[in-house]
PDB file of all heavy atoms in Angstrom:
ATOM      1  N   ALA A   1      77.890  47.697 -25.405  1.00  0.00           N
ATOM      2  CA  ALA A   1      77.745  48.725 -24.370  1.00  0.00           C
ATOM      3  C   ALA A   1      78.757  48.461 -23.269  1.00  0.00           C
ATOM      4  O   ALA A   1      79.422  47.429 -23.248  1.00  0.00           O
ATOM      5  CB  ALA A   1      76.320  48.747 -23.800  1.00  0.00           C
ATOM      6  N   ARG A   2      78.839  49.398 -22.327  1.00  0.00           N
ATOM      7  CA  ARG A   2      79.834  49.237 -21.265  1.00  0.00           C
ATOM      8  C   ARG A   2      79.460  48.146 -20.280  1.00  0.00           C
ATOM      9  O   ARG A   2      80.330  47.598 -19.608  1.00  0.00           O
ATOM     10  CB  ARG A   2      80.037  50.575 -20.528  1.00  0.00           C
ATOM     11  CG  ARG A   2      80.841  51.579 -21.329  1.00  0.00           C
ATOM     12  CD  ARG A   2      81.130  52.848 -20.553  1.00  0.00           C
ATOM     13  NE  ARG A   2      79.935  53.633 -20.300  1.00  0.00           N
ATOM     14  CZ  ARG A   2      79.369  54.440 -21.201  1.00  0.00           C
ATOM     15  NH1 ARG A   2      79.872  54.531 -22.418  1.00  0.00           N
ATOM     16  NH2 ARG A   2      78.296  55.139 -20.895  1.00  0.00           N
ATOM     17  N   ASP A   3      78.173  47.837 -20.161  1.00  0.00           N
ATOM     18  CA  ASP A   3      77.747  46.829 -19.193  1.00  0.00           C
ATOM     19  C   ASP A   3      76.528  46.095 -19.719  1.00  0.00           C
ATOM     20  O   ASP A   3      76.016  46.388 -20.810  1.00  0.00           O
ATOM     21  CB  ASP A   3      77.477  47.468 -17.822  1.00  0.00           C
ATOM     22  CG  ASP A   3      76.480  48.626 -17.892  1.00  0.00           C
ATOM     23  OD1 ASP A   3      75.671  48.679 -18.847  1.00  0.00           O
ATOM     24  OD2 ASP A   3      76.501  49.481 -16.992  1.00  0.00           O
ATOM     25  N   VAL A   4      76.069  45.146 -18.940  1.00  0.00           N
ATOM     26  CA  VAL A   4      74.959  44.298 -19.371  1.00  0.00           C
ATOM     27  C   VAL A   4      73.687  45.108 -19.550  1.00  0.00           C
ATOM     28  O   VAL A   4      72.932  44.914 -20.518  1.00  0.00           O
ATOM     29  CB  VAL A   4      74.739  43.145 -18.368  1.00  0.00           C
ATOM     30  CG1 VAL A   4      73.538  42.299 -18.778  1.00  0.00           C
ATOM     31  CG2 VAL A   4      75.989  42.274 -18.257  1.00  0.00           C
ATOM     32  N   ALA A   5      73.437  46.031 -18.624  1.00  0.00           N
ATOM     33  CA  ALA A   5      72.232  46.857 -18.737  1.00  0.00           C
ATOM     34  C   ALA A   5      72.241  47.644 -20.037  1.00  0.00           C
ATOM     35  O   ALA A   5      71.204  47.794 -20.693  1.00  0.00           O
ATOM     36  CB  ALA A   5      72.125  47.795 -17.539  1.00  0.00           C
ATOM     37  N   GLY A   6      73.411  48.151 -20.424  1.00  0.00           N
ATOM     38  CA  GLY A   6      73.508  48.895 -21.671  1.00  0.00           C
ATOM     39  C   GLY A   6      73.241  48.025 -22.886  1.00  0.00           C
ATOM     40  O   GLY A   6      72.600  48.469 -23.851  1.00  0.00           O
ATOM     41  N   VAL A   7      73.736  46.790 -22.859  1.00  0.00           N
ATOM     42  CA  VAL A   7      73.459  45.868 -23.974  1.00  0.00           C
ATOM     43  C   VAL A   7      71.962  45.580 -24.057  1.00  0.00           C
ATOM     44  O   VAL A   7      71.383  45.537 -25.153  1.00  0.00           O
ATOM     45  CB  VAL A   7      74.265  44.571 -23.809  1.00  0.00           C
ATOM     46  CG1 VAL A   7      73.806  43.514 -24.802  1.00  0.00           C
ATOM     47  CG2 VAL A   7      75.753  44.849 -23.991  1.00  0.00           C
ATOM     48  N   SER A   8      71.311  45.405 -22.907  1.00  0.00           N
ATOM     49  CA  SER A   8      69.867  45.167 -22.914  1.00  0.00           C
ATOM     50  C   SER A   8      69.119  46.379 -23.466  1.00  0.00           C
ATOM     51  O   SER A   8      68.145  46.224 -24.225  1.00  0.00           O
ATOM     52  CB  SER A   8      69.383  44.843 -21.498  1.00  0.00           C
ATOM     53  OG  SER A   8      69.961  43.629 -21.027  1.00  0.00           O
ATOM     54  N   LEU A   9      69.572  47.582 -23.116  1.00  0.00           N
ATOM     55  CA  LEU A   9      68.981  48.784 -23.702  1.00  0.00           C
ATOM     56  C   LEU A   9      69.196  48.807 -25.209  1.00  0.00           C
ATOM     57  O   LEU A   9      68.314  49.207 -25.976  1.00  0.00           O
ATOM     58  CB  LEU A   9      69.580  50.035 -23.069  1.00  0.00           C
ATOM     59  CG  LEU A   9      69.178  50.338 -21.630  1.00  0.00           C
ATOM     60  CD1 LEU A   9      70.011  51.505 -21.085  1.00  0.00           C
ATOM     61  CD2 LEU A   9      67.686  50.666 -21.539  1.00  0.00           C
ATOM     62  N   GLY A  10      70.382  48.368 -25.645  1.00  0.00           N
ATOM     63  CA  GLY A  10      70.656  48.301 -27.071  1.00  0.00           C
ATOM     64  C   GLY A  10      69.733  47.334 -27.787  1.00  0.00           C
ATOM     65  O   GLY A  10      69.273  47.609 -28.907  1.00  0.00           O
ATOM     66  N   MET A  11      69.459  46.199 -27.160  1.00  0.00           N
ATOM     67  CA  MET A  11      68.494  45.269 -27.757  1.00  0.00           C
ATOM     68  C   MET A  11      67.101  45.891 -27.813  1.00  0.00           C
ATOM     69  O   MET A  11      66.333  45.642 -28.739  1.00  0.00           O
ATOM     70  CB  MET A  11      68.452  43.952 -26.979  1.00  0.00           C
ATOM     71  CG  MET A  11      69.520  42.957 -27.375  1.00  0.00           C
ATOM     72  SD  MET A  11      69.489  42.461 -29.131  1.00  0.00           S
ATOM     73  CE  MET A  11      67.911  41.609 -29.260  1.00  0.00           C
ATOM     74  N   GLY A  12      66.797  46.733 -26.828  1.00  0.00           N
ATOM     75  CA  GLY A  12      65.519  47.434 -26.863  1.00  0.00           C
ATOM     76  C   GLY A  12      65.415  48.425 -28.002  1.00  0.00           C
ATOM     77  O   GLY A  12      64.314  48.700 -28.492  1.00  0.00           O
ATOM     78  N   LEU A  13      66.560  48.974 -28.431  1.00  0.00           N
ATOM     79  CA  LEU A  13      66.552  49.836 -29.610  1.00  0.00           C
ATOM     80  C   LEU A  13      66.297  49.034 -30.884  1.00  0.00           C
ATOM     81  O   LEU A  13      65.740  49.540 -31.853  1.00  0.00           O
ATOM     82  CB  LEU A  13      67.884  50.580 -29.742  1.00  0.00           C
ATOM     83  CG  LEU A  13      68.246  51.584 -28.652  1.00  0.00           C
ATOM     84  CD1 LEU A  13      69.610  52.197 -28.934  1.00  0.00           C
ATOM     85  CD2 LEU A  13      67.182  52.672 -28.534  1.00  0.00           C
ATOM     86  N   ILE A  14      66.732  47.780 -30.877  1.00  0.00           N
ATOM     87  CA  ILE A  14      66.541  46.895 -32.037  1.00  0.00           C
ATOM     88  C   ILE A  14      65.157  46.263 -32.022  1.00  0.00           C
ATOM     89  O   ILE A  14      64.489  46.154 -33.060  1.00  0.00           O
ATOM     90  CB  ILE A  14      67.630  45.803 -32.039  1.00  0.00           C
ATOM     91  CG1 ILE A  14      69.015  46.429 -32.255  1.00  0.00           C
ATOM     92  CG2 ILE A  14      67.355  44.744 -33.102  1.00  0.00           C
ATOM     93  CD1 ILE A  14      70.171  45.464 -32.049  1.00  0.00           C
ATOM     94  N   GLU A  15      64.734  45.842 -30.820  1.00  0.00           N
ATOM     95  CA  GLU A  15      63.426  45.204 -30.640  1.00  0.00           C
ATOM     96  C   GLU A  15      62.703  45.910 -29.500  1.00  0.00           C
ATOM     97  O   GLU A  15      62.960  45.620 -28.324  1.00  0.00           O
ATOM     98  CB  GLU A  15      63.579  43.720 -30.282  1.00  0.00           C
ATOM     99  CG  GLU A  15      64.040  42.836 -31.408  1.00  0.00           C
ATOM    100  CD  GLU A  15      64.028  41.367 -31.011  1.00  0.00           C
ATOM    101  OE1 GLU A  15      63.625  41.039 -29.872  1.00  0.00           O
ATOM    102  OE2 GLU A  15      64.426  40.541 -31.832  1.00  0.00           O
ATOM    103  N   PRO A  16      61.835  46.850 -29.788  1.00  0.00           N
ATOM    104  CA  PRO A  16      61.109  47.535 -28.711  1.00  0.00           C
ATOM    105  C   PRO A  16      60.417  46.533 -27.782  1.00  0.00           C
ATOM    106  O   PRO A  16      59.807  45.561 -28.224  1.00  0.00           O
ATOM    107  CB  PRO A  16      60.088  48.389 -29.479  1.00  0.00           C
ATOM    108  CG  PRO A  16      60.726  48.611 -30.821  1.00  0.00           C
ATOM    109  CD  PRO A  16      61.478  47.348 -31.128  1.00  0.00           C
ATOM    110  N   GLY A  17      60.577  46.768 -26.495  1.00  0.00           N
ATOM    111  CA  GLY A  17      59.986  45.880 -25.506  1.00  0.00           C
ATOM    112  C   GLY A  17      60.879  44.744 -25.059  1.00  0.00           C
ATOM    113  O   GLY A  17      60.495  43.960 -24.183  1.00  0.00           O
ATOM    114  N   PHE A  18      62.078  44.648 -25.627  1.00  0.00           N
ATOM    115  CA  PHE A  18      62.997  43.578 -25.211  1.00  0.00           C
ATOM    116  C   PHE A  18      63.282  43.687 -23.715  1.00  0.00           C
ATOM    117  O   PHE A  18      63.524  44.780 -23.190  1.00  0.00           O
ATOM    118  CB  PHE A  18      64.311  43.680 -25.984  1.00  0.00           C
ATOM    119  CG  PHE A  18      65.323  42.634 -25.582  1.00  0.00           C
ATOM    120  CD1 PHE A  18      65.345  41.404 -26.209  1.00  0.00           C
ATOM    121  CD2 PHE A  18      66.235  42.883 -24.557  1.00  0.00           C
ATOM    122  CE1 PHE A  18      66.274  40.439 -25.839  1.00  0.00           C
ATOM    123  CE2 PHE A  18      67.161  41.919 -24.178  1.00  0.00           C
ATOM    124  CZ  PHE A  18      67.181  40.694 -24.815  1.00  0.00           C
ATOM    125  N   ALA A  19      63.273  42.552 -23.029  1.00  0.00           N
ATOM    126  CA  ALA A  19      63.554  42.536 -21.587  1.00  0.00           C
ATOM    127  C   ALA A  19      64.296  41.255 -21.228  1.00  0.00           C
ATOM    128  O   ALA A  19      63.917  40.172 -21.685  1.00  0.00           O
ATOM    129  CB  ALA A  19      62.258  42.625 -20.783  1.00  0.00           C
ATOM    130  N   PRO A  20      65.373  41.354 -20.431  1.00  0.00           N
ATOM    131  CA  PRO A  20      66.081  40.144 -20.000  1.00  0.00           C
ATOM    132  C   PRO A  20      65.179  39.232 -19.186  1.00  0.00           C
ATOM    133  O   PRO A  20      64.254  39.682 -18.502  1.00  0.00           O
ATOM    134  CB  PRO A  20      67.227  40.694 -19.135  1.00  0.00           C
ATOM    135  CG  PRO A  20      67.365  42.123 -19.541  1.00  0.00           C
ATOM    136  CD  PRO A  20      65.990  42.582 -19.921  1.00  0.00           C
ATOM    137  N   ALA A  21      65.463  37.926 -19.249  1.00  0.00           N
ATOM    138  CA  ALA A  21      64.755  36.935 -18.433  1.00  0.00           C
ATOM    139  C   ALA A  21      65.639  36.588 -17.241  1.00  0.00           C
ATOM    140  O   ALA A  21      66.823  36.273 -17.423  1.00  0.00           O
ATOM    141  CB  ALA A  21      64.454  35.692 -19.255  1.00  0.00           C
ATOM    142  N   PRO A  22      65.135  36.640 -16.016  1.00  0.00           N
ATOM    143  CA  PRO A  22      65.961  36.301 -14.855  1.00  0.00           C
ATOM    144  C   PRO A  22      66.549  34.894 -14.991  1.00  0.00           C
ATOM    145  O   PRO A  22      65.873  33.964 -15.444  1.00  0.00           O
ATOM    146  CB  PRO A  22      64.980  36.383 -13.682  1.00  0.00           C
ATOM    147  CG  PRO A  22      63.874  37.265 -14.169  1.00  0.00           C
ATOM    148  CD  PRO A  22      63.757  37.012 -15.638  1.00  0.00           C
ATOM    149  N   TYR A  23      67.803  34.758 -14.593  1.00  0.00           N
ATOM    150  CA  TYR A  23      68.459  33.455 -14.703  1.00  0.00           C
ATOM    151  C   TYR A  23      68.017  32.547 -13.570  1.00  0.00           C
ATOM    152  O   TYR A  23      67.962  32.952 -12.407  1.00  0.00           O
ATOM    153  CB  TYR A  23      69.983  33.619 -14.670  1.00  0.00           C
ATOM    154  CG  TYR A  23      70.699  32.314 -14.922  1.00  0.00           C
ATOM    155  CD1 TYR A  23      70.821  31.826 -16.210  1.00  0.00           C
ATOM    156  CD2 TYR A  23      71.216  31.555 -13.870  1.00  0.00           C
ATOM    157  CE1 TYR A  23      71.446  30.606 -16.461  1.00  0.00           C
ATOM    158  CE2 TYR A  23      71.850  30.350 -14.104  1.00  0.00           C
ATOM    159  CZ  TYR A  23      71.959  29.881 -15.399  1.00  0.00           C
ATOM    160  OH  TYR A  23      72.577  28.675 -15.638  1.00  0.00           O
ATOM    161  N   ASP A  24      67.689  31.312 -13.903  1.00  0.00           N
ATOM    162  CA  ASP A  24      67.267  30.311 -12.916  1.00  0.00           C
ATOM    163  C   ASP A  24      68.514  29.695 -12.281  1.00  0.00           C
ATOM    164  O   ASP A  24      69.252  28.958 -12.952  1.00  0.00           O
ATOM    165  CB  ASP A  24      66.442  29.240 -13.622  1.00  0.00           C
ATOM    166  CG  ASP A  24      66.003  28.118 -12.691  1.00  0.00           C
ATOM    167  OD1 ASP A  24      66.339  28.163 -11.492  1.00  0.00           O
ATOM    168  OD2 ASP A  24      65.332  27.180 -13.169  1.00  0.00           O
ATOM    169  N   PRO A  25      68.777  29.966 -11.000  1.00  0.00           N
ATOM    170  CA  PRO A  25      69.993  29.430 -10.378  1.00  0.00           C
ATOM    171  C   PRO A  25      69.994  27.918 -10.255  1.00  0.00           C
ATOM    172  O   PRO A  25      71.041  27.313  -9.984  1.00  0.00           O
ATOM    173  CB  PRO A  25      70.004  30.097  -8.996  1.00  0.00           C
ATOM    174  CG  PRO A  25      68.586  30.471  -8.739  1.00  0.00           C
ATOM    175  CD  PRO A  25      67.980  30.791 -10.074  1.00  0.00           C
ATOM    176  N   GLY A  26      68.864  27.289 -10.500  1.00  0.00           N
ATOM    177  CA  GLY A  26      68.824  25.834 -10.461  1.00  0.00           C
ATOM    178  C   GLY A  26      69.347  25.183 -11.731  1.00  0.00           C
ATOM    179  O   GLY A  26      69.559  23.958 -11.768  1.00  0.00           O
ATOM    180  N   ARG A  27      69.570  25.976 -12.775  1.00  0.00           N
ATOM    181  CA  ARG A  27      70.081  25.438 -14.034  1.00  0.00           C
ATOM    182  C   ARG A  27      71.607  25.494 -14.049  1.00  0.00           C
ATOM    183  O   ARG A  27      72.224  26.415 -13.513  1.00  0.00           O
ATOM    184  CB  ARG A  27      69.545  26.241 -15.230  1.00  0.00           C
ATOM    185  CG  ARG A  27      68.045  26.234 -15.405  1.00  0.00           C
ATOM    186  CD  ARG A  27      67.486  24.865 -15.773  1.00  0.00           C
ATOM    187  NE  ARG A  27      68.163  24.254 -16.923  1.00  0.00           N
ATOM    188  CZ  ARG A  27      67.927  24.564 -18.189  1.00  0.00           C
ATOM    189  NH1 ARG A  27      67.035  25.491 -18.511  1.00  0.00           N
ATOM    190  NH2 ARG A  27      68.566  23.929 -19.167  1.00  0.00           N
ATOM    191  N   THR A  28      72.216  24.531 -14.694  1.00  0.00           N
ATOM    192  CA  THR A  28      73.671  24.474 -14.778  1.00  0.00           C
ATOM    193  C   THR A  28      74.189  25.205 -16.014  1.00  0.00           C
ATOM    194  O   THR A  28      73.453  25.491 -16.956  1.00  0.00           O
ATOM    195  CB  THR A  28      74.148  23.016 -14.835  1.00  0.00           C
ATOM    196  OG1 THR A  28      73.505  22.364 -15.941  1.00  0.00           O
ATOM    197  CG2 THR A  28      73.828  22.291 -13.545  1.00  0.00           C
ATOM    198  N   VAL A  29      75.499  25.469 -15.983  1.00  0.00           N
ATOM    199  CA  VAL A  29      76.217  26.033 -17.126  1.00  0.00           C
ATOM    200  C   VAL A  29      77.173  24.968 -17.640  1.00  0.00           C
ATOM    201  O   VAL A  29      77.942  24.382 -16.872  1.00  0.00           O
ATOM    202  CB  VAL A  29      76.995  27.297 -16.722  1.00  0.00           C
ATOM    203  CG1 VAL A  29      77.991  27.692 -17.805  1.00  0.00           C
ATOM    204  CG2 VAL A  29      76.036  28.445 -16.453  1.00  0.00           C
ATOM    205  N   GLY A  30      77.110  24.704 -18.937  1.00  0.00           N
ATOM    206  CA  GLY A  30      78.044  23.763 -19.546  1.00  0.00           C
ATOM    207  C   GLY A  30      79.310  24.490 -19.971  1.00  0.00           C
ATOM    208  O   GLY A  30      79.264  25.362 -20.834  1.00  0.00           O
ATOM    209  N   ARG A  31      80.418  24.148 -19.344  1.00  0.00           N
ATOM    210  CA  ARG A  31      81.703  24.801 -19.646  1.00  0.00           C
ATOM    211  C   ARG A  31      82.374  24.053 -20.801  1.00  0.00           C
ATOM    212  O   ARG A  31      82.892  22.940 -20.630  1.00  0.00           O
ATOM    213  CB  ARG A  31      82.589  24.807 -18.401  1.00  0.00           C
ATOM    214  CG  ARG A  31      84.027  25.279 -18.629  1.00  0.00           C
ATOM    215  CD  ARG A  31      84.103  26.731 -19.098  1.00  0.00           C
ATOM    216  NE  ARG A  31      85.447  27.246 -18.879  1.00  0.00           N
ATOM    217  CZ  ARG A  31      86.415  27.258 -19.806  1.00  0.00           C
ATOM    218  NH1 ARG A  31      86.178  26.771 -21.021  1.00  0.00           N
ATOM    219  NH2 ARG A  31      87.601  27.754 -19.510  1.00  0.00           N
ATOM    220  N   LEU A  32      82.335  24.625 -21.988  1.00  0.00           N
ATOM    221  CA  LEU A  32      82.942  23.972 -23.144  1.00  0.00           C
ATOM    222  C   LEU A  32      84.462  23.999 -23.016  1.00  0.00           C
ATOM    223  O   LEU A  32      85.072  25.059 -22.871  1.00  0.00           O
ATOM    224  CB  LEU A  32      82.525  24.676 -24.433  1.00  0.00           C
ATOM    225  CG  LEU A  32      81.111  24.415 -24.948  1.00  0.00           C
ATOM    226  CD1 LEU A  32      80.919  25.114 -26.287  1.00  0.00           C
ATOM    227  CD2 LEU A  32      80.831  22.929 -25.091  1.00  0.00           C
ATOM    228  N   ARG A  33      85.056  22.831 -23.096  1.00  0.00           N
ATOM    229  CA  ARG A  33      86.511  22.694 -23.058  1.00  0.00           C
ATOM    230  C   ARG A  33      87.015  22.469 -24.483  1.00  0.00           C
ATOM    231  O   ARG A  33      86.648  21.494 -25.140  1.00  0.00           O
ATOM    232  CB  ARG A  33      86.915  21.509 -22.182  1.00  0.00           C
ATOM    233  CG  ARG A  33      86.518  21.664 -20.720  1.00  0.00           C
ATOM    234  CD  ARG A  33      87.347  22.713 -20.017  1.00  0.00           C
ATOM    235  NE  ARG A  33      86.866  22.981 -18.663  1.00  0.00           N
ATOM    236  CZ  ARG A  33      87.298  23.963 -17.890  1.00  0.00           C
ATOM    237  NH1 ARG A  33      88.249  24.783 -18.344  1.00  0.00           N
ATOM    238  NH2 ARG A  33      86.810  24.139 -16.692  1.00  0.00           N
ATOM    239  N   ILE A  34      87.820  23.396 -24.953  1.00  0.00           N
ATOM    240  CA  ILE A  34      88.411  23.320 -26.291  1.00  0.00           C
ATOM    241  C   ILE A  34      89.916  23.193 -26.084  1.00  0.00           C
ATOM    242  O   ILE A  34      90.624  24.190 -25.910  1.00  0.00           O
ATOM    243  CB  ILE A  34      88.073  24.565 -27.135  1.00  0.00           C
ATOM    244  CG1 ILE A  34      86.578  24.908 -27.024  1.00  0.00           C
ATOM    245  CG2 ILE A  34      88.501  24.358 -28.570  1.00  0.00           C
ATOM    246  CD1 ILE A  34      85.644  23.832 -27.524  1.00  0.00           C
ATOM    247  N   PRO A  35      90.464  21.987 -26.064  1.00  0.00           N
ATOM    248  CA  PRO A  35      91.851  21.775 -25.648  1.00  0.00           C
ATOM    249  C   PRO A  35      92.852  22.497 -26.558  1.00  0.00           C
ATOM    250  O   PRO A  35      92.695  22.570 -27.776  1.00  0.00           O
ATOM    251  CB  PRO A  35      92.029  20.252 -25.751  1.00  0.00           C
ATOM    252  CG  PRO A  35      90.647  19.697 -25.687  1.00  0.00           C
ATOM    253  CD  PRO A  35      89.775  20.713 -26.359  1.00  0.00           C
ATOM    254  N   GLY A  36      93.890  23.027 -25.903  1.00  0.00           N
ATOM    255  CA  GLY A  36      95.028  23.565 -26.625  1.00  0.00           C
ATOM    256  C   GLY A  36      94.809  24.888 -27.320  1.00  0.00           C
ATOM    257  O   GLY A  36      95.634  25.292 -28.149  1.00  0.00           O
ATOM    258  N   VAL A  37      93.738  25.607 -27.004  1.00  0.00           N
ATOM    259  CA  VAL A  37      93.467  26.877 -27.686  1.00  0.00           C
ATOM    260  C   VAL A  37      93.751  28.054 -26.769  1.00  0.00           C
ATOM    261  O   VAL A  37      94.618  28.876 -27.056  1.00  0.00           O
ATOM    262  CB  VAL A  37      92.019  26.921 -28.216  1.00  0.00           C
ATOM    263  CG1 VAL A  37      91.723  28.277 -28.845  1.00  0.00           C
ATOM    264  CG2 VAL A  37      91.793  25.813 -29.237  1.00  0.00           C
ATOM    265  N   ALA A  38      93.032  28.190 -25.681  1.00  0.00           N
ATOM    266  CA  ALA A  38      93.214  29.337 -24.795  1.00  0.00           C
ATOM    267  C   ALA A  38      94.430  29.151 -23.900  1.00  0.00           C
ATOM    268  O   ALA A  38      94.768  28.026 -23.496  1.00  0.00           O
ATOM    269  CB  ALA A  38      91.970  29.555 -23.940  1.00  0.00           C
ATOM    270  N   GLU A  39      95.082  30.271 -23.585  1.00  0.00           N
ATOM    271  CA  GLU A  39      96.167  30.233 -22.600  1.00  0.00           C
ATOM    272  C   GLU A  39      95.604  29.772 -21.257  1.00  0.00           C
ATOM    273  O   GLU A  39      94.466  30.107 -20.907  1.00  0.00           O
ATOM    274  CB  GLU A  39      96.792  31.615 -22.464  1.00  0.00           C
ATOM    275  CG  GLU A  39      97.517  32.082 -23.716  1.00  0.00           C
ATOM    276  CD  GLU A  39      98.087  33.488 -23.565  1.00  0.00           C
ATOM    277  OE1 GLU A  39      97.825  34.132 -22.530  1.00  0.00           O
ATOM    278  OE2 GLU A  39      98.779  33.937 -24.503  1.00  0.00           O
ATOM    279  N   PRO A  40      96.388  29.027 -20.469  1.00  0.00           N
ATOM    280  CA  PRO A  40      95.872  28.526 -19.189  1.00  0.00           C
ATOM    281  C   PRO A  40      95.331  29.621 -18.279  1.00  0.00           C
ATOM    282  O   PRO A  40      94.316  29.412 -17.595  1.00  0.00           O
ATOM    283  CB  PRO A  40      97.095  27.837 -18.577  1.00  0.00           C
ATOM    284  CG  PRO A  40      97.907  27.396 -19.759  1.00  0.00           C
ATOM    285  CD  PRO A  40      97.721  28.477 -20.786  1.00  0.00           C
ATOM    286  N   ALA A  41      95.973  30.788 -18.259  1.00  0.00           N
ATOM    287  CA  ALA A  41      95.506  31.872 -17.390  1.00  0.00           C
ATOM    288  C   ALA A  41      94.132  32.380 -17.818  1.00  0.00           C
ATOM    289  O   ALA A  41      93.320  32.787 -16.975  1.00  0.00           O
ATOM    290  CB  ALA A  41      96.514  33.021 -17.391  1.00  0.00           C
ATOM    291  N   ILE A  42      93.861  32.378 -19.122  1.00  0.00           N
ATOM    292  CA  ILE A  42      92.552  32.807 -19.616  1.00  0.00           C
ATOM    293  C   ILE A  42      91.487  31.803 -19.201  1.00  0.00           C
ATOM    294  O   ILE A  42      90.420  32.170 -18.678  1.00  0.00           O
ATOM    295  CB  ILE A  42      92.580  32.969 -21.147  1.00  0.00           C
ATOM    296  CG1 ILE A  42      93.589  34.042 -21.573  1.00  0.00           C
ATOM    297  CG2 ILE A  42      91.183  33.268 -21.672  1.00  0.00           C
ATOM    298  CD1 ILE A  42      93.226  35.438 -21.195  1.00  0.00           C
ATOM    299  N   ASP A  43      91.759  30.516 -19.412  1.00  0.00           N
ATOM    300  CA  ASP A  43      90.807  29.485 -18.984  1.00  0.00           C
ATOM    301  C   ASP A  43      90.543  29.574 -17.487  1.00  0.00           C
ATOM    302  O   ASP A  43      89.391  29.475 -17.029  1.00  0.00           O
ATOM    303  CB  ASP A  43      91.353  28.092 -19.331  1.00  0.00           C
ATOM    304  CG  ASP A  43      90.903  27.595 -20.695  1.00  0.00           C
ATOM    305  OD1 ASP A  43      89.818  27.999 -21.154  1.00  0.00           O
ATOM    306  OD2 ASP A  43      91.641  26.799 -21.314  1.00  0.00           O
ATOM    307  N   ALA A  44      91.600  29.775 -16.715  1.00  0.00           N
ATOM    308  CA  ALA A  44      91.445  29.845 -15.259  1.00  0.00           C
ATOM    309  C   ALA A  44      90.606  31.045 -14.850  1.00  0.00           C
ATOM    310  O   ALA A  44      89.780  30.963 -13.918  1.00  0.00           O
ATOM    311  CB  ALA A  44      92.814  29.894 -14.591  1.00  0.00           C
ATOM    312  N   ALA A  45      90.801  32.178 -15.499  1.00  0.00           N
ATOM    313  CA  ALA A  45      90.035  33.380 -15.173  1.00  0.00           C
ATOM    314  C   ALA A  45      88.556  33.188 -15.478  1.00  0.00           C
ATOM    315  O   ALA A  45      87.681  33.595 -14.693  1.00  0.00           O
ATOM    316  CB  ALA A  45      90.585  34.578 -15.943  1.00  0.00           C
ATOM    317  N   VAL A  46      88.258  32.564 -16.616  1.00  0.00           N
ATOM    318  CA  VAL A  46      86.864  32.292 -16.966  1.00  0.00           C
ATOM    319  C   VAL A  46      86.249  31.318 -15.969  1.00  0.00           C
ATOM    320  O   VAL A  46      85.124  31.512 -15.493  1.00  0.00           O
ATOM    321  CB  VAL A  46      86.786  31.765 -18.408  1.00  0.00           C
ATOM    322  CG1 VAL A  46      85.415  31.159 -18.706  1.00  0.00           C
ATOM    323  CG2 VAL A  46      87.103  32.885 -19.392  1.00  0.00           C
TER     324      VAL A  46
END
């Protein structure tokens, strides 16, 4: 879909009642580093 809300609606078409779970800001994100694959500008943007 064009945005996150649209993807969630799409999941609702697949699984009636599907609903996103609010993200806990106290949890961390693990940034996987895969050396030598992505262009530096792509890694920097992410």
